[in-house]
Protein backbone atom coordinates (compact mmCIF):
# COMPACT_ATOMS: atom_id res chain seq x y z
CA MET A 1 -263.66 155.94 -6.82
CA GLU A 2 -267.09 154.79 -5.68
CA ASN A 3 -269.98 157.19 -6.18
CA VAL A 4 -271.87 158.59 -3.17
CA TYR A 5 -275.40 159.93 -3.66
CA ILE A 6 -276.51 162.98 -1.67
CA PHE A 7 -280.23 163.78 -1.57
CA GLY A 8 -283.01 165.40 0.39
CA HIS A 9 -286.52 164.10 0.95
CA LYS A 10 -289.19 163.15 -1.58
CA ASN A 11 -291.20 166.10 -2.94
CA PRO A 12 -288.01 168.18 -2.70
CA ASP A 13 -288.19 171.75 -1.47
CA THR A 14 -285.60 174.49 -1.87
CA ASP A 15 -283.68 173.70 1.32
CA SER A 16 -283.37 169.99 0.53
CA VAL A 17 -282.24 170.51 -3.08
CA THR A 18 -279.79 173.31 -2.39
CA SER A 19 -278.30 171.59 0.65
CA ALA A 20 -277.64 168.47 -1.45
CA ILE A 21 -275.82 170.58 -4.04
CA ALA A 22 -273.87 172.53 -1.42
CA LEU A 23 -272.81 169.35 0.36
CA GLU A 24 -271.78 167.77 -2.95
CA TYR A 25 -269.39 170.67 -3.56
CA LEU A 26 -267.96 170.41 -0.04
CA LYS A 27 -267.48 166.65 -0.23
CA ARG A 28 -265.81 166.87 -3.64
CA GLU A 29 -263.41 169.47 -2.30
CA LEU A 30 -262.60 167.00 0.48
CA GLY A 31 -261.93 164.20 -2.02
CA MET A 32 -265.21 162.29 -2.08
CA ASN A 33 -266.84 161.31 -5.38
CA ALA A 34 -270.19 162.79 -4.34
CA GLN A 35 -273.23 163.41 -6.54
CA ALA A 36 -276.26 165.49 -5.61
CA VAL A 37 -279.55 164.05 -6.83
CA VAL A 38 -283.26 164.72 -6.33
CA LEU A 39 -286.06 162.27 -5.56
CA GLY A 40 -288.76 164.17 -7.39
CA GLU A 41 -289.54 167.16 -9.58
CA ILE A 42 -288.33 170.47 -8.18
CA ASN A 43 -290.85 173.24 -7.51
CA LYS A 44 -291.01 176.70 -9.07
CA GLU A 45 -289.30 178.37 -6.12
CA THR A 46 -286.32 176.01 -6.27
CA LYS A 47 -286.07 176.40 -10.04
CA TYR A 48 -285.99 180.17 -9.64
CA ALA A 49 -283.13 179.95 -7.14
CA LEU A 50 -281.09 177.53 -9.27
CA ASP A 51 -281.64 179.53 -12.43
CA TYR A 52 -280.77 182.81 -10.67
CA PHE A 53 -277.39 181.47 -9.58
CA LYS A 54 -276.89 179.45 -12.79
CA ILE A 55 -276.79 176.07 -11.07
CA LYS A 56 -277.84 172.96 -13.00
CA THR A 57 -280.74 170.95 -11.58
CA PRO A 58 -279.46 167.65 -10.11
CA SER A 59 -280.40 164.46 -11.90
CA TYR A 60 -283.30 162.33 -10.71
CA LEU A 61 -282.70 159.22 -8.60
CA ASN A 62 -285.47 156.62 -8.67
CA ASP A 63 -284.19 154.33 -5.93
CA VAL A 64 -281.08 152.89 -4.28
CA LYS A 65 -282.18 149.27 -4.31
CA LEU A 66 -279.52 146.63 -4.77
CA GLN A 67 -279.05 145.75 -8.43
CA LEU A 68 -277.14 142.91 -10.02
CA LYS A 69 -274.36 145.33 -10.94
CA ASP A 70 -273.91 145.84 -7.17
CA VAL A 71 -273.32 142.12 -6.62
CA THR A 72 -269.95 140.45 -7.07
CA TYR A 73 -270.84 138.25 -10.01
CA HIS A 74 -268.44 136.83 -12.64
CA LYS A 75 -267.91 139.92 -14.77
CA ASP A 76 -266.56 139.44 -18.33
CA CYS A 77 -267.22 135.73 -18.00
CA PHE A 78 -268.25 134.52 -21.48
CA LEU A 79 -266.85 132.72 -24.51
CA SER A 80 -267.29 132.91 -28.26
CA GLU A 81 -270.17 130.81 -29.52
CA LYS A 82 -267.63 129.28 -31.92
CA CYS A 83 -265.24 128.07 -29.27
CA SER A 84 -265.12 124.30 -28.88
CA VAL A 85 -266.96 122.27 -26.27
CA LEU A 86 -263.53 121.34 -24.93
CA ASP A 87 -262.57 125.03 -24.60
CA ALA A 88 -265.79 125.68 -22.71
CA TYR A 89 -265.18 122.69 -20.42
CA ASN A 90 -261.60 123.78 -19.67
CA TYR A 91 -262.76 127.37 -19.00
CA MET A 92 -265.44 126.23 -16.56
CA THR A 93 -263.04 123.88 -14.79
CA LYS A 94 -260.36 126.55 -14.48
CA ASN A 95 -262.80 129.14 -13.09
CA GLY A 96 -264.72 126.80 -10.82
CA ILE A 97 -268.07 127.37 -12.53
CA THR A 98 -270.65 125.03 -14.03
CA GLY A 99 -271.86 127.18 -16.90
CA VAL A 100 -270.64 129.90 -19.24
CA PRO A 101 -272.53 132.31 -21.57
CA LEU A 102 -271.79 132.21 -25.29
CA VAL A 103 -271.60 135.37 -27.39
CA ASP A 104 -271.38 136.35 -31.05
CA LYS A 105 -268.64 138.46 -32.64
CA ASP A 106 -270.19 141.62 -31.13
CA ASN A 107 -270.29 140.10 -27.63
CA LYS A 108 -274.07 139.83 -27.81
CA PHE A 109 -275.48 136.98 -25.77
CA ASN A 110 -276.48 133.96 -27.83
CA GLY A 111 -276.64 130.96 -25.51
CA LEU A 112 -275.40 129.13 -22.45
CA ILE A 113 -273.39 125.93 -22.16
CA THR A 114 -273.16 123.99 -18.90
CA LEU A 115 -271.24 121.02 -17.56
CA LYS A 116 -274.59 119.24 -17.27
CA ALA A 117 -275.22 119.75 -21.00
CA ILE A 118 -271.74 118.42 -21.84
CA ALA A 119 -272.26 115.33 -19.68
CA LYS A 120 -275.64 114.70 -21.26
CA ASP A 121 -274.14 115.00 -24.74
CA MET A 122 -271.42 112.49 -23.85
CA VAL A 123 -274.08 109.91 -22.99
CA ARG A 124 -276.93 110.66 -25.39
CA GLY A 125 -275.46 113.03 -27.93
CA ASN A 126 -275.30 112.78 -31.71
CA PHE A 127 -271.93 111.09 -32.22
CA ASN A 128 -272.08 111.05 -36.02
CA ASN A 129 -272.21 114.75 -36.88
CA LEU A 130 -269.55 117.43 -36.55
CA PHE A 131 -269.89 121.18 -37.02
CA THR A 132 -266.93 123.27 -35.98
CA SER A 133 -263.80 125.02 -37.15
CA TYR A 134 -260.68 123.39 -38.52
CA GLU A 135 -258.74 125.05 -35.68
CA ASN A 136 -261.03 123.58 -33.01
CA ILE A 137 -260.39 120.06 -34.34
CA VAL A 138 -256.62 120.57 -34.37
CA ASN A 139 -256.71 121.80 -30.76
CA ALA A 140 -259.02 119.07 -29.48
CA LEU A 141 -256.90 116.31 -31.04
CA GLU A 142 -253.62 118.02 -30.20
CA GLY A 143 -252.94 117.57 -33.89
CA GLU A 144 -251.15 119.38 -36.63
CA GLU A 145 -252.27 120.90 -39.90
CA VAL A 146 -251.46 118.93 -43.03
CA LEU A 147 -253.86 120.47 -45.53
CA LYS A 148 -256.39 123.20 -44.88
CA PHE A 149 -258.90 124.44 -47.44
CA ASP A 150 -261.90 125.19 -45.20
CA SER A 151 -261.88 127.19 -41.98
CA GLU A 152 -265.19 125.60 -41.04
CA ILE A 153 -265.83 121.84 -41.08
CA LYS A 154 -269.28 120.27 -41.25
CA GLY A 155 -269.88 116.61 -41.94
CA ASN A 156 -270.55 113.01 -40.88
CA ILE A 157 -267.90 111.21 -38.80
CA MET A 158 -266.81 107.65 -39.55
CA ALA A 159 -263.85 105.42 -38.70
CA ALA A 160 -262.18 102.97 -41.09
CA SER A 161 -262.78 99.90 -38.96
CA PHE A 162 -263.62 97.43 -41.75
CA ARG A 163 -261.22 95.49 -44.00
CA SER A 164 -259.69 97.67 -46.67
CA THR A 165 -261.28 95.62 -49.41
CA THR A 166 -264.66 96.15 -47.82
CA PHE A 167 -264.17 99.84 -47.16
CA VAL A 168 -262.94 100.85 -50.63
CA THR A 169 -266.18 99.54 -52.12
CA SER A 170 -268.20 101.97 -49.98
CA VAL A 171 -269.40 105.29 -51.33
CA LEU A 172 -267.83 108.35 -49.68
CA THR A 173 -269.16 111.89 -50.15
CA LYS A 174 -267.98 115.47 -49.70
CA ASP A 175 -269.80 115.53 -46.36
CA ASP A 176 -267.77 112.73 -44.80
CA ILE A 177 -265.09 113.00 -42.13
CA LEU A 178 -262.88 109.94 -41.98
CA ILE A 179 -260.69 108.73 -39.10
CA VAL A 180 -258.00 106.38 -40.36
CA GLY A 181 -254.50 105.05 -39.64
CA ASP A 182 -251.74 104.06 -42.08
CA ARG A 183 -254.15 102.17 -44.40
CA HIS A 184 -253.06 103.60 -47.72
CA SER A 185 -255.71 101.98 -49.86
CA VAL A 186 -258.41 103.51 -47.64
CA ILE A 187 -256.64 106.90 -47.69
CA GLU A 188 -256.43 106.76 -51.50
CA HIS A 189 -260.13 105.96 -51.75
CA ALA A 190 -260.97 108.85 -49.38
CA VAL A 191 -258.97 111.56 -51.14
CA LYS A 192 -260.17 110.43 -54.57
CA SER A 193 -263.76 110.69 -53.25
CA GLY A 194 -263.06 114.30 -52.18
CA ILE A 195 -264.26 113.90 -48.58
CA LYS A 196 -264.51 116.91 -46.28
CA LEU A 197 -261.79 115.95 -43.78
CA LEU A 198 -259.25 113.17 -43.34
CA ILE A 199 -257.93 112.60 -39.80
CA LEU A 200 -254.71 110.56 -39.69
CA VAL A 201 -254.28 108.81 -36.33
CA GLY A 202 -251.12 107.48 -34.70
CA ASP A 203 -249.04 110.09 -36.54
CA ALA A 204 -249.63 108.09 -39.73
CA GLU A 205 -247.88 109.36 -42.86
CA ILE A 206 -249.62 109.98 -46.15
CA LYS A 207 -248.00 109.13 -49.46
CA SER A 208 -246.98 112.10 -51.56
CA SER A 209 -249.14 110.83 -54.42
CA HIS A 210 -252.17 110.70 -52.17
CA LEU A 211 -251.31 114.16 -50.86
CA GLU A 212 -251.35 115.55 -54.39
CA ILE A 213 -254.76 113.98 -55.03
CA ALA A 214 -256.02 115.51 -51.77
CA LYS A 215 -254.78 118.92 -52.85
CA SER A 216 -256.51 118.72 -56.19
CA ASN A 217 -259.77 117.60 -54.56
CA LYS A 218 -259.40 120.13 -51.69
CA VAL A 219 -259.52 117.52 -48.97
CA ASN A 220 -258.69 118.90 -45.52
CA ILE A 221 -256.20 116.76 -43.59
CA ILE A 222 -255.20 116.77 -39.89
CA LYS A 223 -252.67 114.44 -38.26
CA THR A 224 -252.73 113.48 -34.58
CA LYS A 225 -250.67 111.29 -32.26
CA PHE A 226 -253.78 109.70 -30.73
CA ASP A 227 -255.12 106.31 -31.84
CA THR A 228 -258.55 105.74 -33.40
CA PHE A 229 -260.25 105.03 -30.05
CA HIS A 230 -259.04 108.25 -28.46
CA VAL A 231 -259.85 110.34 -31.51
CA SER A 232 -263.36 108.89 -31.57
CA LYS A 233 -263.79 109.98 -27.94
CA LEU A 234 -262.28 113.45 -28.42
CA ILE A 235 -263.67 114.50 -31.78
CA GLY A 236 -267.08 115.44 -30.38
CA PHE A 237 -265.44 117.90 -27.98
CA SER A 238 -264.26 119.94 -30.96
CA ASN A 239 -267.85 120.84 -31.89
CA TYR A 240 -268.94 124.46 -31.60
CA ALA A 241 -270.07 125.10 -28.03
CA ILE A 242 -273.26 126.78 -29.28
CA ILE A 243 -274.48 123.36 -30.44
CA LEU A 244 -274.88 122.37 -26.78
CA ASN A 245 -276.77 125.54 -25.86
CA THR A 246 -279.08 124.44 -23.03
CA GLU A 247 -282.13 125.96 -24.69
CA ASP A 248 -283.12 128.55 -27.29
CA ARG A 249 -283.17 131.40 -24.78
CA PRO A 250 -282.06 130.63 -21.21
CA ALA A 251 -283.25 132.91 -18.40
CA VAL A 252 -281.12 136.05 -18.49
CA PHE A 253 -280.97 139.15 -16.34
CA ASP A 254 -280.09 142.75 -17.03
CA GLU A 255 -277.33 144.13 -14.84
CA ASN A 256 -279.79 146.83 -13.73
CA ASP A 257 -282.36 144.30 -12.52
CA TYR A 258 -283.04 144.36 -8.80
CA TYR A 259 -281.24 141.82 -6.64
CA ASN A 260 -284.40 140.79 -4.79
CA ASP A 261 -286.21 140.15 -8.08
CA PHE A 262 -283.34 137.96 -9.24
CA VAL A 263 -283.39 135.90 -6.05
CA SER A 264 -287.16 135.44 -6.30
CA ILE A 265 -287.01 134.24 -9.93
CA ALA A 266 -283.95 132.07 -9.36
CA ASN A 267 -285.68 130.34 -6.45
CA LYS A 268 -288.53 129.41 -8.78
CA LEU A 269 -286.40 128.27 -11.72
CA LYS A 270 -283.98 126.28 -9.54
CA PHE A 271 -281.01 126.90 -11.85
CA ASN A 272 -277.60 128.09 -10.70
CA ASN A 273 -276.17 129.88 -13.76
CA TYR A 274 -277.69 132.99 -15.32
CA PRO A 275 -276.13 135.21 -18.00
CA VAL A 276 -276.05 138.95 -17.24
CA ILE A 277 -276.64 141.35 -20.14
CA ASP A 278 -277.16 145.05 -20.69
CA LYS A 279 -280.05 146.77 -22.46
CA ASN A 280 -278.42 146.07 -25.84
CA ASN A 281 -278.12 142.33 -25.16
CA VAL A 282 -274.35 142.65 -24.76
CA CYS A 283 -273.16 140.01 -22.31
CA LYS A 284 -271.60 141.36 -19.11
CA GLY A 285 -270.88 138.03 -17.44
CA LEU A 286 -272.39 135.24 -15.38
CA ILE A 287 -274.22 135.36 -12.06
CA ARG A 288 -274.56 132.23 -9.97
CA VAL A 289 -276.99 131.72 -7.10
CA THR A 290 -274.15 130.29 -5.05
CA ASP A 291 -271.94 133.36 -5.57
CA ILE A 292 -274.15 136.30 -4.56
CA THR A 293 -273.25 136.83 -0.93
CA GLU A 294 -270.87 139.76 -1.53
CA LYS A 295 -272.75 142.97 -2.27
CA GLN A 296 -271.60 146.55 -2.85
CA ARG A 297 -274.47 148.57 -1.42
CA LYS A 298 -275.01 152.04 -2.83
CA LYS A 299 -273.56 154.67 -0.53
CA VAL A 300 -275.77 157.63 0.40
CA ILE A 301 -275.82 160.80 2.46
CA LEU A 302 -279.17 162.18 3.62
CA VAL A 303 -279.82 165.91 3.97
CA ASP A 304 -282.85 167.74 5.35
CA HIS A 305 -284.56 164.53 6.52
CA ASN A 306 -283.98 161.38 8.52
CA GLU A 307 -287.34 159.59 8.19
CA PRO A 308 -287.26 156.49 5.94
CA LYS A 309 -290.81 157.24 4.73
CA GLN A 310 -289.62 160.61 3.43
CA SER A 311 -286.56 159.15 1.76
CA VAL A 312 -285.63 157.23 -1.36
CA ASP A 313 -287.07 153.81 -2.18
CA GLY A 314 -284.72 151.01 -1.18
CA LEU A 315 -283.00 153.04 1.54
CA ASP A 316 -282.77 149.91 3.70
CA GLU A 317 -280.73 148.25 0.95
CA SER A 318 -278.17 151.07 0.83
CA GLU A 319 -275.34 152.09 3.13
CA ILE A 320 -276.00 155.41 4.86
CA LEU A 321 -272.71 157.23 5.43
CA GLU A 322 -273.94 160.47 6.93
CA ILE A 323 -277.01 162.56 7.79
CA VAL A 324 -277.21 166.35 7.96
CA ASP A 325 -280.59 167.56 9.19
CA HIS A 326 -282.40 170.15 11.28
CA HIS A 327 -285.57 168.18 12.01
CA ASN A 328 -286.50 165.97 14.96
CA ILE A 329 -284.83 162.58 14.90
CA GLY A 330 -287.17 159.92 13.52
CA ASN A 331 -286.96 156.14 13.48
CA ILE A 332 -284.09 155.72 11.04
CA SER A 333 -281.50 153.06 11.80
CA THR A 334 -278.11 152.17 10.31
CA SER A 335 -275.98 149.03 10.32
CA ASN A 336 -272.79 150.96 11.13
CA PRO A 337 -271.94 154.10 13.14
CA ILE A 338 -272.29 157.24 10.99
CA ASN A 339 -271.70 160.97 11.15
CA PHE A 340 -275.04 162.52 12.16
CA ARG A 341 -275.07 166.32 12.27
CA ASN A 342 -278.38 167.54 13.72
CA MET A 343 -278.90 171.09 14.91
CA SER A 344 -281.90 173.06 16.09
CA VAL A 345 -281.75 175.70 13.38
CA GLY A 346 -284.10 176.90 10.66
CA SER A 347 -282.40 175.28 7.68
CA THR A 348 -280.06 172.46 6.71
CA ASN A 349 -277.95 174.98 4.82
CA THR A 350 -277.21 176.75 8.10
CA ILE A 351 -275.58 173.55 9.32
CA LEU A 352 -273.68 173.22 6.05
CA TYR A 353 -272.26 176.72 6.50
CA GLN A 354 -270.79 175.51 9.80
CA LEU A 355 -269.33 172.45 8.05
CA TYR A 356 -267.67 174.67 5.45
CA LEU A 357 -266.09 176.74 8.23
CA GLU A 358 -264.90 173.65 10.10
CA SER A 359 -263.40 172.18 6.92
CA LYS A 360 -261.80 175.51 5.98
CA ILE A 361 -263.30 175.30 2.48
CA GLU A 362 -264.08 178.58 0.74
CA ILE A 363 -267.68 178.91 -0.47
CA PRO A 364 -268.01 180.00 -4.13
CA LYS A 365 -270.47 182.75 -5.02
CA ASP A 366 -273.00 180.47 -6.73
CA ILE A 367 -272.93 177.90 -3.93
CA ALA A 368 -273.36 180.69 -1.36
CA GLY A 369 -276.35 181.91 -3.35
CA ILE A 370 -278.22 178.61 -3.33
CA MET A 371 -277.37 178.03 0.35
CA LEU A 372 -278.86 181.45 1.07
CA SER A 373 -281.94 180.48 -0.95
CA GLY A 374 -282.45 177.36 1.15
CA ILE A 375 -282.28 179.26 4.44
CA LEU A 376 -284.59 182.04 3.26
CA SER A 377 -287.08 179.47 2.02
CA ASP A 378 -287.20 177.39 5.19
CA THR A 379 -287.29 180.40 7.54
CA LEU A 380 -289.63 182.51 5.39
CA CYS A 381 -286.94 185.17 5.14
CA LEU A 382 -286.03 184.82 8.82
CA THR A 383 -289.64 185.35 10.06
CA SER A 384 -290.44 181.74 10.96
CA PRO A 385 -290.38 180.75 14.65
CA THR A 386 -287.77 178.15 13.70
CA THR A 387 -285.32 180.96 12.91
CA THR A 388 -282.30 181.16 15.19
CA GLU A 389 -279.54 183.69 15.65
CA ILE A 390 -277.24 181.30 13.83
CA ASP A 391 -279.59 181.42 10.81
CA LYS A 392 -279.55 185.22 10.84
CA PHE A 393 -275.78 185.35 11.06
CA THR A 394 -275.41 182.82 8.26
CA VAL A 395 -277.81 184.71 5.99
CA ASN A 396 -275.80 187.90 6.44
CA GLU A 397 -272.52 186.14 5.68
CA LEU A 398 -273.85 184.27 2.64
CA SER A 399 -275.48 187.46 1.30
CA LYS A 400 -272.07 189.11 1.22
CA ILE A 401 -270.51 186.21 -0.68
CA ALA A 402 -273.45 185.92 -3.11
CA ALA A 403 -273.64 189.73 -3.46
CA VAL A 404 -277.44 189.96 -3.18
CA ASP A 405 -279.99 191.91 -1.14
CA TYR A 406 -281.49 188.90 0.61
CA GLU A 407 -284.84 190.55 1.45
CA LYS A 408 -285.49 191.60 -2.14
CA PHE A 409 -284.24 188.26 -3.45
CA ALA A 410 -286.47 186.35 -1.00
CA LEU A 411 -289.60 188.25 -2.10
CA ASP A 412 -288.85 187.62 -5.77
CA MET A 413 -288.19 183.95 -5.06
CA PHE A 414 -291.43 183.59 -3.08
CA LYS A 415 -293.42 185.28 -5.82
CA ALA A 416 -291.97 182.92 -8.41
CA GLY A 417 -292.56 179.88 -6.27
CA THR A 418 -295.98 180.47 -4.76
CA SER A 419 -298.02 180.99 -7.89
CA LEU A 420 -300.63 178.26 -8.34
CA GLU A 421 -301.13 179.11 -11.98
CA GLY A 422 -301.27 176.04 -14.19
CA LYS A 423 -301.22 173.56 -11.29
CA THR A 424 -303.88 170.95 -10.57
CA LYS A 425 -305.18 170.57 -7.01
CA GLU A 426 -303.29 167.26 -6.77
CA GLU A 427 -300.05 168.95 -7.81
CA VAL A 428 -300.56 171.73 -5.27
CA VAL A 429 -301.12 169.29 -2.40
CA ASN A 430 -298.35 166.89 -3.38
CA THR A 431 -295.68 169.54 -3.96
CA ASP A 432 -294.57 169.47 -0.32
CA ILE A 433 -296.21 166.63 1.60
CA LYS A 434 -294.41 164.64 4.28
CA ALA A 435 -295.36 161.52 6.21
CA TYR A 436 -294.69 161.07 9.94
CA ASN A 437 -294.66 158.06 12.26
CA ALA A 438 -296.49 158.52 15.56
CA ASP A 439 -295.56 156.69 18.77
CA SER A 440 -298.73 154.63 18.34
CA GLY A 441 -297.42 153.21 15.10
CA ASP A 442 -299.89 155.16 12.99
CA VAL A 443 -298.71 157.29 10.09
CA PHE A 444 -300.07 160.72 9.19
CA ALA A 445 -299.16 163.29 6.55
CA ILE A 446 -298.87 167.05 6.38
CA SER A 447 -298.93 169.05 3.16
CA GLN A 448 -297.84 172.67 3.38
CA VAL A 449 -298.44 175.20 0.63
CA PHE A 450 -296.68 178.56 0.83
CA THR A 451 -298.50 181.00 -1.40
CA LEU A 452 -299.76 184.49 -2.08
CA ASP A 453 -302.79 182.99 -3.84
CA TYR A 454 -304.33 181.48 -0.71
CA GLU A 455 -307.80 182.75 -1.69
CA LYS A 456 -307.74 180.46 -4.72
CA ILE A 457 -307.55 177.48 -2.37
CA LEU A 458 -310.13 178.88 0.05
CA ASN A 459 -312.60 179.37 -2.78
CA ASP A 460 -312.24 175.74 -3.86
CA LYS A 461 -311.85 174.12 -0.46
CA GLU A 462 -314.22 171.22 -1.25
CA GLY A 463 -311.99 170.20 -4.14
CA TYR A 464 -308.89 170.29 -1.96
CA LEU A 465 -310.63 168.37 0.82
CA SER A 466 -311.48 165.68 -1.72
CA VAL A 467 -307.81 165.45 -2.71
CA ILE A 468 -306.50 164.98 0.84
CA GLU A 469 -309.25 162.44 1.61
CA ASP A 470 -308.17 160.49 -1.47
CA ILE A 471 -304.52 160.59 -0.33
CA LYS A 472 -305.55 159.33 3.11
CA GLN A 473 -307.40 156.36 1.64
CA LYS A 474 -304.75 155.39 -0.91
CA LYS A 475 -301.80 155.70 1.46
CA GLY A 476 -303.55 154.33 4.54
CA TYR A 477 -302.77 157.41 6.65
CA ALA A 478 -304.52 157.99 9.96
CA PHE A 479 -305.25 161.52 8.72
CA VAL A 480 -303.92 164.22 6.39
CA VAL A 481 -303.60 167.93 7.15
CA LEU A 482 -303.19 170.66 4.53
CA ALA A 483 -301.64 173.90 5.82
CA VAL A 484 -302.03 176.83 3.43
CA THR A 485 -299.49 179.42 4.56
CA ASP A 486 -299.78 183.11 3.66
CA ILE A 487 -296.14 184.14 3.36
CA LEU A 488 -296.92 187.85 3.87
CA LYS A 489 -299.10 187.46 6.97
CA ASN A 490 -296.97 184.58 8.32
CA SER A 491 -300.11 182.65 9.21
CA SER A 492 -301.85 179.53 7.94
CA TYR A 493 -305.30 178.23 7.00
CA MET A 494 -305.81 174.64 8.13
CA PHE A 495 -307.66 171.90 6.23
CA TYR A 496 -307.89 168.28 7.37
CA THR A 497 -309.49 164.92 6.63
CA ALA A 498 -312.73 164.08 8.41
CA GLY A 499 -312.85 162.97 12.03
CA ILE A 500 -310.19 165.10 13.72
CA GLU A 501 -312.11 168.37 14.24
CA LYS A 502 -312.15 167.99 18.02
CA ASN A 503 -308.47 167.09 18.12
CA MET A 504 -307.62 170.18 16.08
CA ALA A 505 -309.75 172.34 18.36
CA VAL A 506 -308.03 171.01 21.47
CA GLY A 507 -304.57 171.10 19.93
CA TYR A 508 -304.83 174.73 18.86
CA ASN A 509 -307.15 175.80 21.68
CA ILE A 510 -309.75 177.13 19.24
CA ASP A 511 -313.48 176.54 19.77
CA ASN A 512 -315.57 175.45 16.77
CA PHE A 513 -312.54 174.46 14.71
CA GLU A 514 -313.63 174.08 11.07
CA GLN A 515 -312.16 173.62 7.60
CA GLY A 516 -310.01 176.61 6.65
CA THR A 517 -309.57 177.87 10.20
CA TYR A 518 -307.04 180.69 10.31
CA ILE A 519 -304.17 180.22 12.79
CA GLU A 520 -302.25 183.41 13.27
CA GLY A 521 -298.47 183.14 13.36
CA CYS A 522 -298.47 179.49 12.33
CA VAL A 523 -295.85 178.96 9.64
CA SER A 524 -293.57 176.19 10.85
CA ARG A 525 -294.59 172.63 10.09
CA LYS A 526 -291.79 171.34 12.29
CA LYS A 527 -292.49 173.44 15.40
CA GLN A 528 -296.13 174.47 15.15
CA ILE A 529 -297.93 171.65 13.35
CA VAL A 530 -296.13 168.32 13.79
CA PRO A 531 -295.95 168.49 17.64
CA VAL A 532 -299.68 169.29 17.86
CA LEU A 533 -300.66 166.43 15.56
CA MET A 534 -298.35 163.97 17.30
CA GLU A 535 -300.46 164.42 20.43
CA PHE A 536 -303.49 163.03 18.57
CA LEU A 537 -302.01 159.58 18.28
CA LYS A 538 -300.37 159.05 21.66
């Protein structure tokens, strides 16, 4: 069953991580092979919630870009390096391909043979030398075994085309391979000389006396029905295929390489056949430029976001099956109709609770606990202006299942998650930063820090201003805002990159707006910050 990834946004917060886990459980109960993943390191608050309810942190997902393993290439398409050239030719012809990888006894890639290389060898090859197995020669010549002493044959090919009296005066060595018919004087000379291999053409018989000499001198003998001309044409096809390897190390690709990178390189090299290997150099098959139209895009479900800029790298190369979110609808698009569950509530987990009810799936205690954690985090324990009656109802129901005092649990979770101890300014700012697309086409970002240590940031505001200015420059944002939210007072201190002081003053109706201005009751990025900033760029 194909795997489906479920994930929240980059810089994952508690609601995005826990909703991915909760939806994974629901989907698995409904028969889907779902897997919750995260797109970044989880924060202290999320870790506290997962540890409290003994839930394992989801694995990290780097991207969902198309990889070669997602393309319908010729899997398990390879041959032994010691197969014959004829075997390789027949395999390619049968499978409609023009090249085939060659592997050693451990299936590790060792070369590539192509029809082009075979054709070139037929015209300009070395016709005198042979290096192959006894079995390959028998198969190529459709022959039969007469005497076999060596499993591997290496030597110089010659045909007895001269007069017998001329030939028997020649010197034969143990490296010679002789093609001959029923010329007994020549055969006698060959076996007495102890040549490597004697090939009898036209089903020629060998005298018993000559056979005994051949046995004593360990001369290999093969008999074939073909005549000398045909044998001379076919014998080269019995060579080991590795001999016609196109080059020492043809261009190869790992099955985890990105599809777009493969296309780019293949367009430059202008070849059609490329072996596919894994990280251990084990051959997985053959990919051809002409056979890469069928792709199996990675299937994904998005939770707690629907903005491509907030999502995984390569999202446009994946297939989005579903979105569950409680934010405003951004500029995401899909190639097919999908299930899109969007509700104006304080947390994605509130929506998931409704999905559990609709599916009639019972919520386990640990799953209820992390769902509760997500709602309490996003609604600041039901004090945020985003909080709805549905959120409150859901919190009460999940608290019963999880068997916790949600107010006490929320305070402990916030304390664990809001400490800035041991964090750099960059880590503080980047823990929960999101980018947004304005109608003008500009992009801005908002970082929100929920903490009890807000004075630590206020006392080092110049350092934090430097960090957000650096983010603005590197990312090309129109501006960046840092909201430092006091979770006890339910209010925020606002910091921003240079040039938007007047906009902030107008947006929040505060004269002399300056760095660190305190905005009472401002805790919701979605309802109280994003709409104000969107007005800047209309």
